[in-house]
Amino acid sequence: EFVASRSGINTYYADSVKGRFTISRDNAKNTVY
């Protein structure tokens, strides 16, 4: 199942995790959290 995603313009969360989970990214470190 889908949990979360992030691009340069859009962020999405599954209803089951919205408000509890946060997706972020650090392009300089080539890492997503």
PDB file of all heavy atoms in Angstrom:
ATOM      1  N   GLU A   1       0.817  -1.198   0.000  1.00  0.00           N
ATOM      2  CA  GLU A   1       0.000   0.000   0.000  1.00  0.00           C
ATOM      3  C   GLU A   1       0.858   1.258   0.000  1.00  0.00           C
ATOM      4  O   GLU A   1       1.959   1.291   0.552  1.00  0.00           O
ATOM      5  CB  GLU A   1      -0.957   0.017   1.195  1.00  0.00           C
ATOM      6  CG  GLU A   1      -0.282   0.140   2.545  1.00  0.00           C
ATOM      7  CD  GLU A   1      -1.271   0.318   3.686  1.00  0.00           C
ATOM      8  OE1 GLU A   1      -2.422   0.738   3.424  1.00  0.00           O
ATOM      9  OE2 GLU A   1      -0.901   0.040   4.837  1.00  0.00           O
ATOM     10  N   PHE A   2       0.318   2.273  -0.603  1.00  0.00           N
ATOM     11  CA  PHE A   2       0.962   3.568  -0.656  1.00  0.00           C
ATOM     12  C   PHE A   2       0.928   4.242   0.707  1.00  0.00           C
ATOM     13  O   PHE A   2      -0.079   4.184   1.413  1.00  0.00           O
ATOM     14  CB  PHE A   2       0.247   4.444  -1.690  1.00  0.00           C
ATOM     15  CG  PHE A   2       0.705   5.867  -1.717  1.00  0.00           C
ATOM     16  CD1 PHE A   2       1.842   6.241  -2.418  1.00  0.00           C
ATOM     17  CD2 PHE A   2      -0.005   6.846  -1.049  1.00  0.00           C
ATOM     18  CE1 PHE A   2       2.258   7.559  -2.451  1.00  0.00           C
ATOM     19  CE2 PHE A   2       0.398   8.167  -1.075  1.00  0.00           C
ATOM     20  CZ  PHE A   2       1.532   8.514  -1.781  1.00  0.00           C
ATOM     21  N   VAL A   3       2.019   4.894   1.071  1.00  0.00           N
ATOM     22  CA  VAL A   3       2.108   5.602   2.338  1.00  0.00           C
ATOM     23  C   VAL A   3       2.223   7.109   2.122  1.00  0.00           C
ATOM     24  O   VAL A   3       1.427   7.885   2.644  1.00  0.00           O
ATOM     25  CB  VAL A   3       3.298   5.109   3.180  1.00  0.00           C
ATOM     26  CG1 VAL A   3       3.441   5.944   4.455  1.00  0.00           C
ATOM     27  CG2 VAL A   3       3.133   3.641   3.525  1.00  0.00           C
ATOM     28  N   ALA A   4       3.211   7.525   1.355  1.00  0.00           N
ATOM     29  CA  ALA A   4       3.458   8.948   1.142  1.00  0.00           C
ATOM     30  C   ALA A   4       4.369   9.130  -0.054  1.00  0.00           C
ATOM     31  O   ALA A   4       5.122   8.230  -0.428  1.00  0.00           O
ATOM     32  CB  ALA A   4       4.087   9.589   2.376  1.00  0.00           C
ATOM     33  N   SER A   5       4.319  10.311  -0.662  1.00  0.00           N
ATOM     34  CA  SER A   5       5.236  10.647  -1.737  1.00  0.00           C
ATOM     35  C   SER A   5       5.462  12.146  -1.759  1.00  0.00           C
ATOM     36  O   SER A   5       4.635  12.925  -1.280  1.00  0.00           O
ATOM     37  CB  SER A   5       4.731  10.161  -3.098  1.00  0.00           C
ATOM     38  OG  SER A   5       3.591  10.887  -3.515  1.00  0.00           O
ATOM     39  N   ARG A   6       6.587  12.527  -2.358  1.00  0.00           N
ATOM     40  CA  ARG A   6       6.909  13.945  -2.476  1.00  0.00           C
ATOM     41  C   ARG A   6       7.714  14.201  -3.728  1.00  0.00           C
ATOM     42  O   ARG A   6       8.704  13.529  -3.996  1.00  0.00           O
ATOM     43  CB  ARG A   6       7.679  14.430  -1.252  1.00  0.00           C
ATOM     44  CG  ARG A   6       7.935  15.925  -1.262  1.00  0.00           C
ATOM     45  CD  ARG A   6       8.435  16.409   0.067  1.00  0.00           C
ATOM     46  NE  ARG A   6       8.616  17.861   0.089  1.00  0.00           N
ATOM     47  CZ  ARG A   6       8.900  18.564   1.158  1.00  0.00           C
ATOM     48  NH1 ARG A   6       9.042  17.964   2.329  1.00  0.00           N
ATOM     49  NH2 ARG A   6       9.047  19.882   1.076  1.00  0.00           N
ATOM     50  N   SER A   7       7.267  15.184  -4.484  1.00  0.00           N
ATOM     51  CA  SER A   7       8.002  15.692  -5.625  1.00  0.00           C
ATOM     52  C   SER A   7       8.264  17.168  -5.390  1.00  0.00           C
ATOM     53  O   SER A   7       8.060  17.680  -4.287  1.00  0.00           O
ATOM     54  CB  SER A   7       7.216  15.478  -6.919  1.00  0.00           C
ATOM     55  OG  SER A   7       6.070  16.305  -6.945  1.00  0.00           O
ATOM     56  N   GLY A   8       8.704  17.864  -6.419  1.00  0.00           N
ATOM     57  CA  GLY A   8       8.941  19.284  -6.268  1.00  0.00           C
ATOM     58  C   GLY A   8       7.692  20.114  -6.096  1.00  0.00           C
ATOM     59  O   GLY A   8       7.758  21.239  -5.591  1.00  0.00           O
ATOM     60  N   ILE A   9       6.529  19.575  -6.498  1.00  0.00           N
ATOM     61  CA  ILE A   9       5.307  20.364  -6.476  1.00  0.00           C
ATOM     62  C   ILE A   9       4.154  19.718  -5.722  1.00  0.00           C
ATOM     63  O   ILE A   9       3.170  20.401  -5.416  1.00  0.00           O
ATOM     64  CB  ILE A   9       4.836  20.698  -7.906  1.00  0.00           C
ATOM     65  CG1 ILE A   9       4.594  19.422  -8.714  1.00  0.00           C
ATOM     66  CG2 ILE A   9       5.861  21.600  -8.591  1.00  0.00           C
ATOM     67  CD1 ILE A   9       3.995  19.668 -10.072  1.00  0.00           C
ATOM     68  N   ASN A  10       4.233  18.433  -5.427  1.00  0.00           N
ATOM     69  CA  ASN A  10       3.116  17.733  -4.798  1.00  0.00           C
ATOM     70  C   ASN A  10       3.575  16.841  -3.660  1.00  0.00           C
ATOM     71  O   ASN A  10       4.627  16.212  -3.739  1.00  0.00           O
ATOM     72  CB  ASN A  10       2.363  16.881  -5.815  1.00  0.00           C
ATOM     73  CG  ASN A  10       1.667  17.698  -6.878  1.00  0.00           C
ATOM     74  OD1 ASN A  10       2.060  17.667  -8.048  1.00  0.00           O
ATOM     75  ND2 ASN A  10       0.636  18.432  -6.481  1.00  0.00           N
ATOM     76  N   THR A  11       2.751  16.778  -2.635  1.00  0.00           N
ATOM     77  CA  THR A  11       2.946  15.864  -1.524  1.00  0.00           C
ATOM     78  C   THR A  11       1.642  15.122  -1.283  1.00  0.00           C
ATOM     79  O   THR A  11       0.567  15.723  -1.261  1.00  0.00           O
ATOM     80  CB  THR A  11       3.366  16.607  -0.253  1.00  0.00           C
ATOM     81  OG1 THR A  11       4.549  17.365  -0.504  1.00  0.00           O
ATOM     82  CG2 THR A  11       3.640  15.620   0.875  1.00  0.00           C
ATOM     83  N   TYR A  12       1.731  13.806  -1.096  1.00  0.00           N
ATOM     84  CA  TYR A  12       0.560  12.973  -0.871  1.00  0.00           C
ATOM     85  C   TYR A  12       0.779  12.092   0.344  1.00  0.00           C
ATOM     86  O   TYR A  12       1.897  11.636   0.602  1.00  0.00           O
ATOM     87  CB  TYR A  12       0.281  12.067  -2.074  1.00  0.00           C
ATOM     88  CG  TYR A  12      -0.013  12.782  -3.370  1.00  0.00           C
ATOM     89  CD1 TYR A  12       1.011  13.094  -4.257  1.00  0.00           C
ATOM     90  CD2 TYR A  12      -1.314  13.129  -3.715  1.00  0.00           C
ATOM     91  CE1 TYR A  12       0.747  13.740  -5.454  1.00  0.00           C
ATOM     92  CE2 TYR A  12      -1.583  13.777  -4.909  1.00  0.00           C
ATOM     93  CZ  TYR A  12      -0.553  14.081  -5.778  1.00  0.00           C
ATOM     94  OH  TYR A  12      -0.818  14.719  -6.963  1.00  0.00           O
ATOM     95  N   TYR A  13      -0.308  11.836   1.073  1.00  0.00           N
ATOM     96  CA  TYR A  13      -0.290  10.915   2.194  1.00  0.00           C
ATOM     97  C   TYR A  13      -1.507  10.010   2.131  1.00  0.00           C
ATOM     98  O   TYR A  13      -2.602  10.444   1.763  1.00  0.00           O
ATOM     99  CB  TYR A  13      -0.308  11.646   3.530  1.00  0.00           C
ATOM    100  CG  TYR A  13       0.938  12.437   3.834  1.00  0.00           C
ATOM    101  CD1 TYR A  13       0.991  13.804   3.605  1.00  0.00           C
ATOM    102  CD2 TYR A  13       2.063  11.813   4.366  1.00  0.00           C
ATOM    103  CE1 TYR A  13       2.136  14.536   3.888  1.00  0.00           C
ATOM    104  CE2 TYR A  13       3.207  12.541   4.651  1.00  0.00           C
ATOM    105  CZ  TYR A  13       3.243  13.901   4.410  1.00  0.00           C
ATOM    106  OH  TYR A  13       4.381  14.619   4.692  1.00  0.00           O
ATOM    107  N   ALA A  14      -1.307   8.768   2.500  1.00  0.00           N
ATOM    108  CA  ALA A  14      -2.440   7.887   2.692  1.00  0.00           C
ATOM    109  C   ALA A  14      -3.253   8.362   3.888  1.00  0.00           C
ATOM    110  O   ALA A  14      -2.710   8.915   4.854  1.00  0.00           O
ATOM    111  CB  ALA A  14      -1.966   6.457   2.917  1.00  0.00           C
ATOM    112  N   ASP A  15      -4.560   8.146   3.831  1.00  0.00           N
ATOM    113  CA  ASP A  15      -5.422   8.572   4.929  1.00  0.00           C
ATOM    114  C   ASP A  15      -5.009   7.953   6.263  1.00  0.00           C
ATOM    115  O   ASP A  15      -5.148   8.583   7.319  1.00  0.00           O
ATOM    116  CB  ASP A  15      -6.876   8.214   4.632  1.00  0.00           C
ATOM    117  CG  ASP A  15      -7.474   9.068   3.531  1.00  0.00           C
ATOM    118  OD1 ASP A  15      -6.913  10.138   3.224  1.00  0.00           O
ATOM    119  OD2 ASP A  15      -8.507   8.668   2.966  1.00  0.00           O
ATOM    120  N   SER A  16      -4.502   6.745   6.218  1.00  0.00           N
ATOM    121  CA  SER A  16      -4.160   6.029   7.432  1.00  0.00           C
ATOM    122  C   SER A  16      -2.969   6.630   8.182  1.00  0.00           C
ATOM    123  O   SER A  16      -2.787   6.354   9.367  1.00  0.00           O
ATOM    124  CB  SER A  16      -3.870   4.558   7.118  1.00  0.00           C
ATOM    125  OG  SER A  16      -2.803   4.440   6.194  1.00  0.00           O
ATOM    126  N   VAL A  17      -2.169   7.446   7.506  1.00  0.00           N
ATOM    127  CA  VAL A  17      -0.985   8.012   8.141  1.00  0.00           C
ATOM    128  C   VAL A  17      -1.001   9.531   8.187  1.00  0.00           C
ATOM    129  O   VAL A  17      -0.127  10.135   8.825  1.00  0.00           O
ATOM    130  CB  VAL A  17       0.310   7.541   7.441  1.00  0.00           C
ATOM    131  CG1 VAL A  17       0.345   6.021   7.357  1.00  0.00           C
ATOM    132  CG2 VAL A  17       0.442   8.162   6.053  1.00  0.00           C
ATOM    133  N   LYS A  18      -1.963  10.146   7.552  1.00  0.00           N
ATOM    134  CA  LYS A  18      -2.021  11.597   7.489  1.00  0.00           C
ATOM    135  C   LYS A  18      -2.109  12.191   8.892  1.00  0.00           C
ATOM    136  O   LYS A  18      -2.923  11.768   9.712  1.00  0.00           O
ATOM    137  CB  LYS A  18      -3.210  12.036   6.642  1.00  0.00           C
ATOM    138  CG  LYS A  18      -3.182  13.497   6.241  1.00  0.00           C
ATOM    139  CD  LYS A  18      -4.286  13.805   5.244  1.00  0.00           C
ATOM    140  CE  LYS A  18      -4.199  15.227   4.729  1.00  0.00           C
ATOM    141  NZ  LYS A  18      -5.249  15.511   3.719  1.00  0.00           N
ATOM    142  N   GLY A  19      -1.266  13.171   9.159  1.00  0.00           N
ATOM    143  CA  GLY A  19      -1.213  13.789  10.465  1.00  0.00           C
ATOM    144  C   GLY A  19      -0.224  13.146  11.407  1.00  0.00           C
ATOM    145  O   GLY A  19       0.104  13.728  12.447  1.00  0.00           O
ATOM    146  N   ARG A  20       0.251  11.950  11.073  1.00  0.00           N
ATOM    147  CA  ARG A  20       1.216  11.247  11.907  1.00  0.00           C
ATOM    148  C   ARG A  20       2.583  11.099  11.239  1.00  0.00           C
ATOM    149  O   ARG A  20       3.599  11.137  11.914  1.00  0.00           O
ATOM    150  CB  ARG A  20       0.697   9.850  12.272  1.00  0.00           C
ATOM    151  CG  ARG A  20      -0.605   9.871  13.053  1.00  0.00           C
ATOM    152  CD  ARG A  20      -0.964   8.467  13.550  1.00  0.00           C
ATOM    153  NE  ARG A  20      -1.179   7.535  12.451  1.00  0.00           N
ATOM    154  CZ  ARG A  20      -0.473   6.422  12.262  1.00  0.00           C
ATOM    155  NH1 ARG A  20       0.497   6.090  13.098  1.00  0.00           N
ATOM    156  NH2 ARG A  20      -0.756   5.626  11.238  1.00  0.00           N
ATOM    157  N   PHE A  21       2.582  10.895   9.931  1.00  0.00           N
ATOM    158  CA  PHE A  21       3.820  10.697   9.183  1.00  0.00           C
ATOM    159  C   PHE A  21       4.142  11.939   8.368  1.00  0.00           C
ATOM    160  O   PHE A  21       3.241  12.636   7.893  1.00  0.00           O
ATOM    161  CB  PHE A  21       3.697   9.513   8.221  1.00  0.00           C
ATOM    162  CG  PHE A  21       3.602   8.164   8.874  1.00  0.00           C
ATOM    163  CD1 PHE A  21       3.402   8.015  10.235  1.00  0.00           C
ATOM    164  CD2 PHE A  21       3.718   7.023   8.088  1.00  0.00           C
ATOM    165  CE1 PHE A  21       3.314   6.763  10.820  1.00  0.00           C
ATOM    166  CE2 PHE A  21       3.633   5.763   8.656  1.00  0.00           C
ATOM    167  CZ  PHE A  21       3.428   5.633  10.020  1.00  0.00           C
ATOM    168  N   THR A  22       5.424  12.177   8.171  1.00  0.00           N
ATOM    169  CA  THR A  22       5.884  13.281   7.350  1.00  0.00           C
ATOM    170  C   THR A  22       6.989  12.804   6.426  1.00  0.00           C
ATOM    171  O   THR A  22       7.975  12.220   6.886  1.00  0.00           O
ATOM    172  CB  THR A  22       6.410  14.448   8.203  1.00  0.00           C
ATOM    173  OG1 THR A  22       5.385  14.897   9.096  1.00  0.00           O
ATOM    174  CG2 THR A  22       6.833  15.611   7.308  1.00  0.00           C
ATOM    175  N   ILE A  23       6.824  13.051   5.142  1.00  0.00           N
ATOM    176  CA  ILE A  23       7.864  12.742   4.176  1.00  0.00           C
ATOM    177  C   ILE A  23       8.659  14.008   3.888  1.00  0.00           C
ATOM    178  O   ILE A  23       8.096  15.094   3.760  1.00  0.00           O
ATOM    179  CB  ILE A  23       7.279  12.146   2.881  1.00  0.00           C
ATOM    180  CG1 ILE A  23       8.397  11.695   1.934  1.00  0.00           C
ATOM    181  CG2 ILE A  23       6.335  13.117   2.194  1.00  0.00           C
ATOM    182  CD1 ILE A  23       7.905  10.901   0.735  1.00  0.00           C
ATOM    183  N   SER A  24       9.959  13.867   3.812  1.00  0.00           N
ATOM    184  CA  SER A  24      10.821  14.993   3.495  1.00  0.00           C
ATOM    185  C   SER A  24      11.994  14.495   2.667  1.00  0.00           C
ATOM    186  O   SER A  24      12.235  13.286   2.572  1.00  0.00           O
ATOM    187  CB  SER A  24      11.311  15.696   4.762  1.00  0.00           C
ATOM    188  OG  SER A  24      12.078  14.819   5.568  1.00  0.00           O
ATOM    189  N   ARG A  25      12.709  15.417   2.079  1.00  0.00           N
ATOM    190  CA  ARG A  25      13.847  15.032   1.265  1.00  0.00           C
ATOM    191  C   ARG A  25      14.952  16.059   1.378  1.00  0.00           C
ATOM    192  O   ARG A  25      14.710  17.256   1.549  1.00  0.00           O
ATOM    193  CB  ARG A  25      13.435  14.820  -0.195  1.00  0.00           C
ATOM    194  CG  ARG A  25      12.843  16.041  -0.871  1.00  0.00           C
ATOM    195  CD  ARG A  25      12.180  15.649  -2.195  1.00  0.00           C
ATOM    196  NE  ARG A  25      13.138  15.117  -3.156  1.00  0.00           N
ATOM    197  CZ  ARG A  25      12.808  14.472  -4.269  1.00  0.00           C
ATOM    198  NH1 ARG A  25      11.527  14.258  -4.554  1.00  0.00           N
ATOM    199  NH2 ARG A  25      13.746  14.032  -5.094  1.00  0.00           N
ATOM    200  N   ASP A  26      16.168  15.575   1.269  1.00  0.00           N
ATOM    201  CA  ASP A  26      17.354  16.406   1.274  1.00  0.00           C
ATOM    202  C   ASP A  26      18.093  16.100  -0.019  1.00  0.00           C
ATOM    203  O   ASP A  26      18.803  15.100  -0.117  1.00  0.00           O
ATOM    204  CB  ASP A  26      18.222  16.114   2.494  1.00  0.00           C
ATOM    205  CG  ASP A  26      19.391  17.067   2.624  1.00  0.00           C
ATOM    206  OD1 ASP A  26      19.803  17.667   1.613  1.00  0.00           O
ATOM    207  OD2 ASP A  26      19.909  17.215   3.746  1.00  0.00           O
ATOM    208  N   ASN A  27      17.899  16.946  -1.005  1.00  0.00           N
ATOM    209  CA  ASN A  27      18.493  16.695  -2.317  1.00  0.00           C
ATOM    210  C   ASN A  27      20.017  16.725  -2.281  1.00  0.00           C
ATOM    211  O   ASN A  27      20.668  16.003  -3.037  1.00  0.00           O
ATOM    212  CB  ASN A  27      17.978  17.714  -3.331  1.00  0.00           C
ATOM    213  CG  ASN A  27      16.526  17.501  -3.685  1.00  0.00           C
ATOM    214  OD1 ASN A  27      15.977  16.413  -3.509  1.00  0.00           O
ATOM    215  ND2 ASN A  27      15.888  18.542  -4.196  1.00  0.00           N
ATOM    216  N   ALA A  28      20.583  17.550  -1.412  1.00  0.00           N
ATOM    217  CA  ALA A  28      22.033  17.628  -1.307  1.00  0.00           C
ATOM    218  C   ALA A  28      22.635  16.319  -0.823  1.00  0.00           C
ATOM    219  O   ALA A  28      23.774  15.997  -1.153  1.00  0.00           O
ATOM    220  CB  ALA A  28      22.435  18.767  -0.383  1.00  0.00           C
ATOM    221  N   LYS A  29      21.875  15.560  -0.043  1.00  0.00           N
ATOM    222  CA  LYS A  29      22.343  14.284   0.482  1.00  0.00           C
ATOM    223  C   LYS A  29      21.753  13.089  -0.252  1.00  0.00           C
ATOM    224  O   LYS A  29      22.005  11.947   0.132  1.00  0.00           O
ATOM    225  CB  LYS A  29      22.020  14.176   1.967  1.00  0.00           C
ATOM    226  CG  LYS A  29      22.727  15.216   2.825  1.00  0.00           C
ATOM    227  CD  LYS A  29      22.389  15.040   4.295  1.00  0.00           C
ATOM    228  CE  LYS A  29      23.125  16.049   5.141  1.00  0.00           C
ATOM    229  NZ  LYS A  29      22.800  15.908   6.582  1.00  0.00           N
ATOM    230  N   ASN A  30      20.954  13.350  -1.278  1.00  0.00           N
ATOM    231  CA  ASN A  30      20.306  12.280  -2.044  1.00  0.00           C
ATOM    232  C   ASN A  30      19.553  11.319  -1.130  1.00  0.00           C
ATOM    233  O   ASN A  30      19.638  10.096  -1.269  1.00  0.00           O
ATOM    234  CB  ASN A  30      21.331  11.511  -2.875  1.00  0.00           C
ATOM    235  CG  ASN A  30      21.869  12.321  -4.034  1.00  0.00           C
ATOM    236  OD1 ASN A  30      21.309  13.334  -4.427  1.00  0.00           O
ATOM    237  ND2 ASN A  30      22.978  11.858  -4.600  1.00  0.00           N
ATOM    238  N   THR A  31      18.798  11.889  -0.209  1.00  0.00           N
ATOM    239  CA  THR A  31      18.118  11.088   0.796  1.00  0.00           C
ATOM    240  C   THR A  31      16.686  11.569   0.989  1.00  0.00           C
ATOM    241  O   THR A  31      16.424  12.772   1.008  1.00  0.00           O
ATOM    242  CB  THR A  31      18.866  11.147   2.139  1.00  0.00           C
ATOM    243  OG1 THR A  31      20.206  10.684   1.956  1.00  0.00           O
ATOM    244  CG2 THR A  31      18.182  10.278   3.181  1.00  0.00           C
ATOM    245  N   VAL A  32      15.780  10.621   1.130  1.00  0.00           N
ATOM    246  CA  VAL A  32      14.401  10.909   1.477  1.00  0.00           C
ATOM    247  C   VAL A  32      14.108  10.261   2.825  1.00  0.00           C
ATOM    248  O   VAL A  32      14.638   9.189   3.136  1.00  0.00           O
ATOM    249  CB  VAL A  32      13.423  10.431   0.387  1.00  0.00           C
ATOM    250  CG1 VAL A  32      13.488   8.918   0.218  1.00  0.00           C
ATOM    251  CG2 VAL A  32      12.001  10.887   0.692  1.00  0.00           C
ATOM    252  N   TYR A  33      13.275  10.921   3.631  1.00  0.00           N
ATOM    253  CA  TYR A  33      12.982  10.464   4.977  1.00  0.00           C
ATOM    254  C   TYR A  33      11.488  10.250   5.160  1.00  0.00           C
ATOM    255  O   TYR A  33      10.664  10.862   4.488  1.00  0.00           O
ATOM    256  CB  TYR A  33      13.451  11.487   6.013  1.00  0.00           C
ATOM    257  CG  TYR A  33      14.905  11.858   5.903  1.00  0.00           C
ATOM    258  CD1 TYR A  33      15.304  12.969   5.173  1.00  0.00           C
ATOM    259  CD2 TYR A  33      15.884  11.097   6.532  1.00  0.00           C
ATOM    260  CE1 TYR A  33      16.641  13.320   5.070  1.00  0.00           C
ATOM    261  CE2 TYR A  33      17.222  11.437   6.438  1.00  0.00           C
ATOM    262  CZ  TYR A  33      17.595  12.548   5.704  1.00  0.00           C
ATOM    263  OH  TYR A  33      18.926  12.884   5.608  1.00  0.00           O
TER     264      TYR A  33
END
